[in-house]
Protein backbone atom coordinates (compact mmCIF):
# COMPACT_ATOMS: atom_id res chain seq x y z
CA MET A 1 219.57 76.64 -27.94
CA LEU A 2 217.54 79.73 -27.31
CA SER A 3 220.52 81.63 -29.48
CA ALA A 4 219.74 79.08 -32.35
CA PHE A 5 215.91 79.73 -32.08
CA ALA A 6 216.51 83.59 -31.93
CA GLY A 7 219.15 83.08 -34.87
CA LEU A 8 216.54 81.70 -36.77
CA ILE A 9 214.10 84.51 -36.32
CA ILE A 10 216.80 87.05 -37.38
CA ALA A 11 217.80 84.98 -40.53
CA GLY A 12 214.18 84.84 -41.52
CA ALA A 13 213.59 88.83 -40.89
CA ILE A 14 216.65 89.23 -43.40
CA LEU A 15 215.41 87.16 -46.28
CA LEU A 16 212.01 88.97 -45.67
CA CYS A 17 213.65 92.36 -46.11
CA LEU A 18 214.80 91.40 -49.76
CA PRO A 19 213.47 93.08 -52.15
CA PHE A 20 212.03 89.94 -54.28
CA ALA A 21 210.42 88.83 -50.83
CA THR A 22 207.51 91.26 -51.29
CA VAL A 23 205.15 92.43 -53.97
CA GLY A 24 205.95 96.03 -54.21
CA ALA A 25 208.04 97.96 -51.65
CA PRO A 26 210.43 95.88 -49.41
CA LEU A 27 209.21 95.30 -45.81
CA ASN A 28 210.95 97.82 -43.36
CA PRO A 29 213.23 95.78 -41.00
CA LEU A 30 210.60 96.06 -37.83
CA ASP A 31 207.86 94.72 -39.98
CA ALA A 32 210.05 91.89 -41.36
CA LEU A 33 211.44 91.00 -37.81
CA PHE A 34 207.60 90.89 -36.45
CA THR A 35 206.77 88.57 -39.62
CA ALA A 36 209.56 86.19 -38.95
CA THR A 37 209.03 86.18 -35.12
CA SER A 38 205.28 85.51 -35.83
CA ALA A 39 206.18 82.62 -38.20
CA VAL A 40 208.82 81.02 -36.05
CA CYS A 41 206.69 81.18 -32.98
CA VAL A 42 203.64 79.76 -35.06
CA THR A 43 201.51 82.63 -34.01
CA GLY A 44 199.88 84.15 -36.98
CA LEU A 45 199.56 87.77 -36.05
CA ILE A 46 200.55 90.08 -39.25
CA VAL A 47 201.54 93.52 -39.94
CA VAL A 48 201.02 92.76 -43.77
CA ASP A 49 198.86 90.42 -45.53
CA THR A 50 200.64 87.39 -46.55
CA ALA A 51 198.64 86.58 -49.42
CA THR A 52 198.94 89.89 -51.17
CA ALA A 53 202.22 91.41 -49.72
CA PHE A 54 204.54 88.84 -50.27
CA SER A 55 205.86 87.16 -53.38
CA THR A 56 206.12 83.36 -53.70
CA PHE A 57 209.74 83.50 -52.55
CA GLY A 58 208.49 85.27 -49.43
CA GLN A 59 205.61 82.77 -48.76
CA ILE A 60 208.18 79.93 -49.06
CA VAL A 61 210.47 81.66 -46.32
CA ILE A 62 207.39 82.00 -44.26
CA LEU A 63 206.54 78.62 -44.50
CA ALA A 64 209.93 77.27 -43.83
CA LEU A 65 210.04 79.41 -40.86
CA ILE A 66 206.75 78.06 -39.61
CA GLN A 67 207.95 74.51 -40.20
CA LEU A 68 211.15 74.88 -38.01
CA GLY A 69 209.09 76.88 -35.62
CA GLY A 70 206.22 74.49 -35.30
CA LEU A 71 208.82 71.52 -34.48
CA GLY A 72 209.50 73.60 -31.49
CA ILE A 73 212.46 74.53 -29.64
CA ILE A 74 212.66 71.27 -27.97
CA THR A 75 212.58 69.39 -31.25
CA PHE A 76 214.81 72.03 -32.94
CA SER A 77 217.51 71.45 -30.51
CA VAL A 78 217.24 67.65 -31.01
CA MET A 79 217.66 67.94 -34.83
CA VAL A 80 220.81 69.93 -34.26
CA MET A 81 222.06 67.11 -31.95
CA LEU A 82 221.14 64.51 -34.52
CA LEU A 83 223.10 66.43 -37.01
CA LEU A 84 226.15 66.90 -34.93
CA GLY A 85 225.86 63.35 -33.20
CA ARG A 86 226.08 65.04 -29.70
CA ARG A 87 224.45 63.71 -26.66
CA ALA A 88 221.85 65.93 -24.94
CA SER A 89 223.10 68.01 -22.38
CA LEU A 90 221.91 68.16 -18.70
CA VAL A 91 219.85 71.35 -19.06
CA GLN A 92 218.54 70.11 -22.31
CA ARG A 93 217.15 66.91 -20.76
CA GLU A 94 215.72 69.14 -17.92
CA VAL A 95 213.86 71.21 -20.53
CA LEU A 96 212.50 67.88 -22.23
CA GLN A 97 211.35 66.87 -18.72
CA THR A 98 209.65 69.92 -18.15
CA GLN A 99 207.88 69.99 -21.29
CA LYS A 100 206.79 66.52 -20.30
CA VAL A 101 208.69 64.84 -23.17
CA GLY A 102 210.47 61.97 -22.40
CA ALA A 103 209.80 61.72 -18.87
CA GLU A 104 206.19 60.54 -19.71
CA VAL A 105 207.46 57.77 -22.47
CA GLY A 106 210.68 56.63 -21.14
CA LEU A 107 212.73 57.52 -24.34
CA GLU A 108 216.05 59.29 -24.94
CA PRO A 109 215.94 62.82 -26.64
CA LEU A 110 217.42 61.44 -29.89
CA GLU A 111 214.77 58.71 -30.35
CA ILE A 112 212.06 61.23 -29.53
CA GLY A 113 213.54 63.43 -32.27
CA LYS A 114 213.20 60.81 -35.04
CA ARG A 115 209.93 59.91 -34.07
CA ILE A 116 208.48 63.49 -33.94
CA LEU A 117 210.06 64.16 -37.17
CA ALA A 118 208.34 60.93 -38.77
CA PHE A 119 205.06 61.82 -37.43
CA VAL A 120 205.28 65.51 -38.55
CA ALA A 121 206.03 64.42 -42.11
CA ILE A 122 203.38 61.75 -42.38
CA ALA A 123 200.56 63.84 -41.10
CA GLU A 124 201.35 67.00 -43.06
CA PHE A 125 201.76 64.82 -46.30
CA ILE A 126 198.28 63.26 -45.61
CA GLY A 127 196.90 66.96 -45.22
CA VAL A 128 198.45 68.26 -48.42
CA ILE A 129 196.89 65.19 -50.27
CA VAL A 130 193.36 65.95 -48.78
CA LEU A 131 193.61 69.63 -48.95
CA ALA A 132 194.81 69.46 -52.65
CA LEU A 133 191.78 67.45 -53.66
CA ALA A 134 189.38 69.89 -52.04
CA PHE A 135 191.05 73.10 -53.53
CA MET A 136 191.20 71.51 -57.02
CA ARG A 137 187.41 72.50 -57.13
CA TYR A 138 188.61 76.01 -57.02
CA PHE A 139 192.02 76.19 -58.86
CA PRO A 140 194.06 74.23 -61.06
CA PHE A 141 196.19 71.56 -59.90
CA ASP A 142 199.50 73.18 -59.51
CA ILE A 143 197.87 76.14 -57.51
CA ALA A 144 195.72 73.78 -55.54
CA LEU A 145 198.65 71.84 -54.48
CA TYR A 146 200.53 75.03 -53.33
CA HIS A 147 197.71 76.03 -51.35
CA ALA A 148 197.33 72.79 -49.97
CA ALA A 149 201.02 72.25 -48.99
CA PHE A 150 200.85 75.89 -47.24
CA GLN A 151 197.72 75.28 -45.43
CA SER A 152 198.49 71.94 -44.13
CA ILE A 153 201.96 72.97 -42.82
CA SER A 154 200.56 75.90 -41.18
CA ALA A 155 197.44 74.22 -39.70
CA PHE A 156 199.50 71.32 -38.34
CA CYS A 157 201.98 73.59 -36.79
CA ASN A 158 199.05 75.82 -35.42
CA ALA A 159 200.63 78.81 -37.15
CA GLY A 160 197.59 80.69 -38.67
CA PHE A 161 199.26 82.14 -41.64
CA SER A 162 196.97 81.61 -44.81
CA THR A 163 197.85 82.23 -48.66
CA PHE A 164 194.29 83.47 -49.08
CA ALA A 165 193.25 87.14 -48.04
CA GLY A 166 190.99 87.11 -45.13
CA SER A 167 192.52 83.74 -43.87
CA MET A 168 189.56 81.14 -44.44
CA THR A 169 186.53 83.35 -44.73
CA ALA A 170 186.06 82.33 -48.50
CA PHE A 171 185.70 78.79 -47.40
CA SER A 172 183.46 79.42 -44.65
CA GLY A 173 180.91 76.95 -45.71
CA ASP A 174 183.14 74.23 -47.43
CA ALA A 175 183.33 71.27 -45.01
CA PHE A 176 185.87 69.68 -47.37
CA VAL A 177 188.34 72.29 -46.75
CA LEU A 178 187.74 73.15 -42.91
CA VAL A 179 187.04 69.57 -41.66
CA PRO A 180 190.87 68.45 -42.55
CA MET A 181 192.19 71.70 -41.23
CA MET A 182 190.41 71.30 -37.98
CA LEU A 183 191.82 67.79 -37.77
CA LEU A 184 195.44 68.98 -38.64
CA ILE A 185 195.13 71.68 -35.93
CA VAL A 186 193.75 69.37 -33.26
CA VAL A 187 196.20 66.55 -33.95
CA GLY A 188 199.31 69.15 -33.91
CA GLY A 189 197.71 70.41 -30.81
CA LEU A 190 197.46 67.32 -28.88
CA GLY A 191 201.26 66.94 -28.38
CA PHE A 192 203.90 64.32 -29.24
CA VAL A 193 203.67 62.62 -26.05
CA VAL A 194 200.18 61.72 -26.81
CA VAL A 195 201.12 60.35 -30.23
CA ILE A 196 204.10 58.39 -28.96
CA ASP A 197 201.97 56.91 -26.18
CA PHE A 198 199.18 56.01 -28.77
CA GLU A 199 202.03 54.06 -30.73
CA GLY A 200 203.02 52.23 -27.62
CA ILE A 201 199.22 51.26 -27.32
CA PHE A 202 198.92 49.88 -31.01
CA ARG A 203 202.58 48.16 -30.82
CA ARG A 204 202.78 46.78 -27.30
CA GLY A 205 199.25 46.84 -25.88
CA ARG A 206 200.37 49.33 -23.22
CA ARG A 207 197.78 51.19 -21.25
CA THR A 208 197.47 55.02 -21.79
CA THR A 209 199.37 57.17 -19.41
CA LEU A 210 197.34 59.66 -17.21
CA GLN A 211 198.79 62.48 -19.13
CA THR A 212 197.33 61.26 -22.28
CA ARG A 213 193.95 60.57 -20.74
CA ILE A 214 193.79 63.96 -19.28
CA VAL A 215 194.73 65.81 -22.59
CA LEU A 216 192.16 63.69 -24.45
CA ALA A 217 189.24 64.39 -22.05
CA THR A 218 190.29 68.00 -21.49
CA THR A 219 190.71 68.80 -25.28
CA ALA A 220 187.03 67.20 -26.17
CA VAL A 221 185.42 69.04 -23.29
CA LEU A 222 187.16 72.36 -24.51
CA LEU A 223 186.41 71.73 -28.06
CA LEU A 224 182.70 71.16 -27.27
CA PHE A 225 182.25 73.79 -24.91
CA GLY A 226 184.00 76.53 -27.31
CA ALA A 227 181.56 75.50 -30.05
CA VAL A 228 178.34 75.33 -27.97
CA VAL A 229 178.98 78.76 -26.63
CA PHE A 230 180.03 80.34 -29.76
CA LEU A 231 176.84 78.96 -31.41
CA LEU A 232 174.85 80.56 -28.70
CA PHE A 233 176.57 83.77 -28.64
CA GLU A 234 176.96 84.50 -32.33
CA ASN A 235 173.60 82.83 -33.54
CA ASP A 236 172.16 86.11 -33.74
CA ASN A 237 175.21 88.09 -34.84
CA VAL A 238 177.89 86.88 -37.26
CA ILE A 239 176.30 83.30 -38.18
CA GLU A 240 172.78 85.07 -38.10
CA GLY A 241 170.83 83.91 -41.37
CA LYS A 242 173.27 81.04 -42.37
CA PRO A 243 172.05 77.57 -42.90
CA LEU A 244 172.26 75.31 -39.76
CA GLY A 245 174.98 73.01 -41.35
CA GLU A 246 177.42 76.41 -41.80
CA LYS A 247 176.53 77.57 -38.36
CA LEU A 248 177.69 74.34 -36.55
CA LEU A 249 180.57 74.49 -38.94
CA ALA A 250 181.53 77.80 -37.85
CA SER A 251 181.24 77.20 -34.45
CA ALA A 252 183.26 73.87 -34.51
CA PHE A 253 186.18 75.69 -36.60
CA HIS A 254 186.12 78.81 -34.17
CA SER A 255 186.41 76.69 -31.27
CA VAL A 256 189.25 74.68 -32.74
CA THR A 257 191.26 77.48 -33.91
CA CYS A 258 190.81 79.89 -31.12
CA ARG A 259 192.75 77.73 -28.79
CA THR A 260 195.91 78.19 -30.74
CA ALA A 261 195.91 78.08 -34.56
CA GLY A 262 194.73 81.75 -35.57
CA PHE A 263 192.69 80.66 -38.67
CA ASN A 264 189.19 82.33 -39.03
CA THR A 265 186.04 82.08 -41.08
CA VAL A 266 184.44 85.05 -39.55
CA GLU A 267 185.99 88.39 -38.81
CA CYS A 268 187.16 88.56 -35.05
CA TYR A 269 185.98 92.52 -35.08
CA ASP A 270 182.52 91.44 -35.76
CA LEU A 271 182.20 89.10 -32.76
CA SER A 272 180.28 90.08 -29.49
CA ASN A 273 182.24 91.12 -26.50
CA ALA A 274 181.06 87.91 -24.84
CA THR A 275 182.59 85.74 -27.44
CA LEU A 276 185.82 87.80 -27.39
CA LEU A 277 186.00 86.95 -23.60
CA LEU A 278 185.45 83.40 -24.43
CA THR A 279 188.19 83.23 -27.16
CA MET A 280 190.48 85.01 -24.70
CA LEU A 281 189.99 82.42 -22.32
CA LEU A 282 190.57 79.43 -24.63
CA MET A 283 193.60 81.29 -25.99
CA VAL A 284 195.30 81.55 -22.49
CA ILE A 285 194.43 77.63 -22.05
CA GLY A 286 196.05 76.69 -25.59
CA GLY A 287 196.89 73.23 -26.62
CA SER A 288 198.85 70.42 -24.91
CA PRO A 289 202.41 69.93 -23.52
CA GLY A 290 204.98 68.81 -26.17
CA SER A 291 202.84 70.07 -29.02
CA THR A 292 202.97 72.83 -31.52
CA ALA A 293 200.47 74.96 -29.49
CA GLY A 294 200.91 77.61 -26.99
CA GLY A 295 199.17 78.87 -23.91
CA ILE A 296 199.59 77.44 -20.37
CA LYS A 297 198.34 73.92 -22.02
CA THR A 298 195.46 71.78 -21.43
CA THR A 299 196.75 69.77 -18.61
CA THR A 300 197.50 72.78 -16.38
CA ALA A 301 193.77 73.81 -16.91
CA ALA A 302 192.68 70.38 -15.99
CA ILE A 303 194.69 70.27 -12.86
CA ILE A 304 193.85 73.53 -11.50
CA PHE A 305 190.02 72.59 -12.02
CA LEU A 306 190.47 69.17 -10.46
CA THR A 307 192.48 70.55 -7.48
CA ALA A 308 189.63 73.22 -6.85
CA LEU A 309 186.92 70.40 -7.27
CA ALA A 310 189.03 68.04 -4.91
CA ARG A 311 189.27 70.91 -2.22
CA LEU A 312 185.79 71.68 -2.60
CA SER A 313 184.49 67.90 -1.94
CA GLY A 314 187.04 67.58 1.01
CA LYS A 315 189.61 65.49 -0.51
CA LYS A 316 193.32 66.34 -0.13
CA GLU A 317 194.61 65.29 -3.71
CA PRO A 318 193.09 65.87 -7.00
CA ARG A 319 192.08 62.86 -8.57
CA PHE A 320 191.45 61.85 -12.61
CA GLY A 321 189.61 58.58 -12.85
CA ASN A 322 190.81 56.23 -10.37
CA CYS A 323 194.52 57.93 -10.23
CA ASN A 324 195.60 60.84 -7.84
CA ILE A 325 197.58 63.66 -9.37
CA THR A 326 200.89 64.50 -7.53
CA GLY A 327 201.49 67.40 -5.51
CA ARG A 328 204.39 68.29 -7.63
CA SER A 329 202.00 68.74 -10.49
CA VAL A 330 199.56 70.94 -8.69
CA THR A 331 202.14 73.12 -7.67
CA ASP A 332 203.81 73.56 -11.18
CA ALA A 333 200.18 74.13 -12.55
CA ILE A 334 199.37 76.95 -9.90
CA THR A 335 202.96 78.45 -10.44
CA LEU A 336 202.61 78.54 -14.27
CA THR A 337 199.08 80.03 -14.15
CA VAL A 338 200.12 82.61 -11.76
CA ILE A 339 203.23 83.62 -13.91
CA VAL A 340 201.00 83.78 -16.89
CA VAL A 341 198.44 85.99 -15.62
CA ILE A 342 200.96 88.33 -14.37
CA PHE A 343 202.75 88.33 -17.51
CA ILE A 344 199.86 89.00 -19.58
CA VAL A 345 198.51 91.78 -17.26
CA CYS A 346 201.98 93.32 -17.80
CA VAL A 347 201.94 93.07 -21.47
CA THR A 348 198.38 94.50 -21.72
CA LEU A 349 199.49 97.44 -19.30
CA LEU A 350 202.51 98.07 -21.73
CA LEU A 351 200.21 97.96 -24.73
CA GLN A 352 197.77 100.49 -23.12
CA VAL A 353 200.70 102.93 -22.61
CA SER A 354 202.39 102.47 -25.82
CA GLU A 355 199.44 102.67 -27.82
CA LEU A 356 197.03 104.91 -25.87
CA GLY A 357 199.06 107.06 -23.51
CA PRO A 358 197.08 109.44 -21.52
CA THR A 359 193.84 109.19 -24.15
CA ALA A 360 190.71 109.14 -22.05
CA HIS A 361 188.69 105.91 -22.23
CA SER A 362 185.70 107.88 -23.67
CA GLU A 363 187.69 108.86 -26.89
CA ARG A 364 188.78 105.23 -27.61
CA ARG A 365 186.06 103.05 -26.48
CA GLY A 366 186.64 99.47 -27.33
CA ALA A 367 190.57 99.89 -27.61
CA PHE A 368 191.15 98.10 -24.24
CA MET A 369 189.47 95.04 -25.31
CA GLU A 370 191.31 95.20 -28.78
CA LEU A 371 194.83 95.48 -27.14
CA SER A 372 193.99 93.00 -24.42
CA PHE A 373 193.06 90.57 -26.88
CA GLU A 374 196.09 91.17 -29.04
CA ALA A 375 198.33 90.39 -25.90
CA VAL A 376 196.66 87.19 -24.86
CA SER A 377 196.66 86.17 -28.48
CA ALA A 378 200.46 86.85 -28.69
CA PHE A 379 201.24 85.03 -25.38
CA GLY A 380 199.21 82.06 -26.64
CA THR A 381 200.74 82.10 -30.10
CA VAL A 382 197.23 81.95 -31.58
CA GLY A 383 197.26 85.00 -34.11
CA LEU A 384 193.71 86.02 -34.22
CA SER A 385 193.24 89.72 -34.07
CA THR A 386 190.48 92.28 -34.02
CA GLY A 387 192.39 94.29 -36.21
CA ALA A 388 194.95 96.16 -33.99
CA THR A 389 198.26 94.49 -35.35
CA PRO A 390 198.81 96.65 -38.36
CA SER A 391 198.12 99.80 -36.74
CA LEU A 392 200.44 99.12 -33.54
CA SER A 393 203.28 101.67 -33.06
CA PRO A 394 207.03 100.67 -33.35
CA PRO A 395 207.19 100.32 -29.42
CA GLY A 396 203.85 98.19 -29.43
CA LYS A 397 205.15 95.82 -32.20
CA VAL A 398 208.19 95.48 -30.24
CA ILE A 399 206.17 94.49 -27.11
CA ILE A 400 204.32 91.92 -29.20
CA ILE A 401 207.51 90.46 -30.56
CA LEU A 402 208.89 89.70 -27.34
CA THR A 403 205.52 88.57 -26.00
CA MET A 404 205.35 85.98 -28.92
CA PHE A 405 208.94 84.88 -28.31
CA ILE A 406 208.46 84.28 -24.69
CA GLY A 407 204.86 82.69 -25.23
CA ARG A 408 206.16 80.24 -27.64
CA LEU A 409 209.23 79.24 -25.46
CA GLY A 410 207.23 78.90 -22.22
CA PRO A 411 207.91 80.34 -18.75
CA LEU A 412 208.67 76.96 -17.35
CA THR A 413 211.37 76.85 -20.08
CA PHE A 414 213.23 79.68 -18.73
CA PHE A 415 212.57 78.84 -15.13
CA THR A 416 214.16 75.13 -16.02
CA LEU A 417 217.21 76.66 -17.57
CA LEU A 418 217.60 79.35 -14.70
CA SER A 419 217.27 76.16 -12.19
CA ALA A 420 220.23 74.40 -13.64
CA PHE A 421 222.52 77.49 -12.60
CA LEU A 422 220.69 77.71 -8.91
CA ARG A 423 221.38 75.71 -6.12
CA ALA A 424 218.57 74.47 -3.98
CA PRO A 425 218.68 75.56 0.01
CA ARG A 426 220.11 72.91 2.18
CA TYR A 427 217.74 73.99 5.06
CA ARG A 428 214.06 74.27 5.92
CA LEU A 429 212.33 77.03 7.54
CA TYR A 430 209.52 77.02 10.23
CA SER A 431 206.28 76.56 8.51
CA GLU A 432 202.78 77.99 9.79
CA SER A 433 199.51 78.04 8.16
CA VAL A 434 197.86 81.47 6.66
CA MET A 435 194.08 82.00 6.15
CA VAL A 436 193.01 82.52 2.63
CA GLY A 437 189.62 83.76 1.29
């Protein structure tokens, strides 16, 4: 499964190295591998501009990598099983359950795969139609359709690649373009469990699961919080002097895209440090389980917040609505968050060493924030950058490549695969409390 995912990246890198994949000189192997990894991992970090450096063939290769990567390692393995007519292995079932797919909706992996493929096709097709109508105000029909198809797939898969130089900055005030893209990003980041759950509601009148309720509530809170804070922090900065409607649109778009998508209507290097810090927080949280998004996921952030709230109010278990959250979920959320924080700190440290070395802070002010932002963006498979990506050294690019790959698969996937080969101890040790705080 992992080898198939890595093989897709290598195949994409080989195709991007072909002379007719680029405009001008061919990509060097490392840049091709970086671009292929970013596309398959639906990250969006780029070392060369997608709109100007690649030919139509190269852009189509990137789009195909985005589509396959956006379906995810879980769905990708399900597709292979569908083609080969195989049943899911024990390890594959464990990964599905870890990613909250299948265990929450009570479906077999093959049935999940079929429904996912159908939903992706319908959502992206609607996105193409709506965006094509919007782009036809700027381009002839065939060009508008091409841009619409690329943007629709990239937005739904939360990839952040664009056929426009400067991402979506040219459409910063166009709601007919940005609103459909925001909807595609949000729907792609909700997770297929939520989609299947809604299907059960409409078909059989079944009530929503706890996970769906947490995902929807947390997503709404994060979107509103991000938009309001961006508006406050940037009102006298990058959106200063713009009409109120354009300010609100820019704030909403940044709040949506910074959690996982990577498109931008304003340049990140012009944002204030406070906004960059907020953006990094949202990038770490990311989207929802079983979706095209990265990060620790909305459910993890919600569980940790609810656990802290419960302990402060003297309750033993976190609660959402009239339902308690299991201790297993709390343990998983805390474990995942600790692993992610340690991993991001290690990546940031490696980038500081590879890019700055012994350089004094006074000689490269701002570099720490740029590289930290890069590390978080790569792990969260977001794709936003303050401009550090193209200037990374070869070791720095390798670090980001590995970070994008691990961030896309998720730490829990690795732990689940590892647990399949480890035996749980058959004994219990003496327990004792330890003071904290």
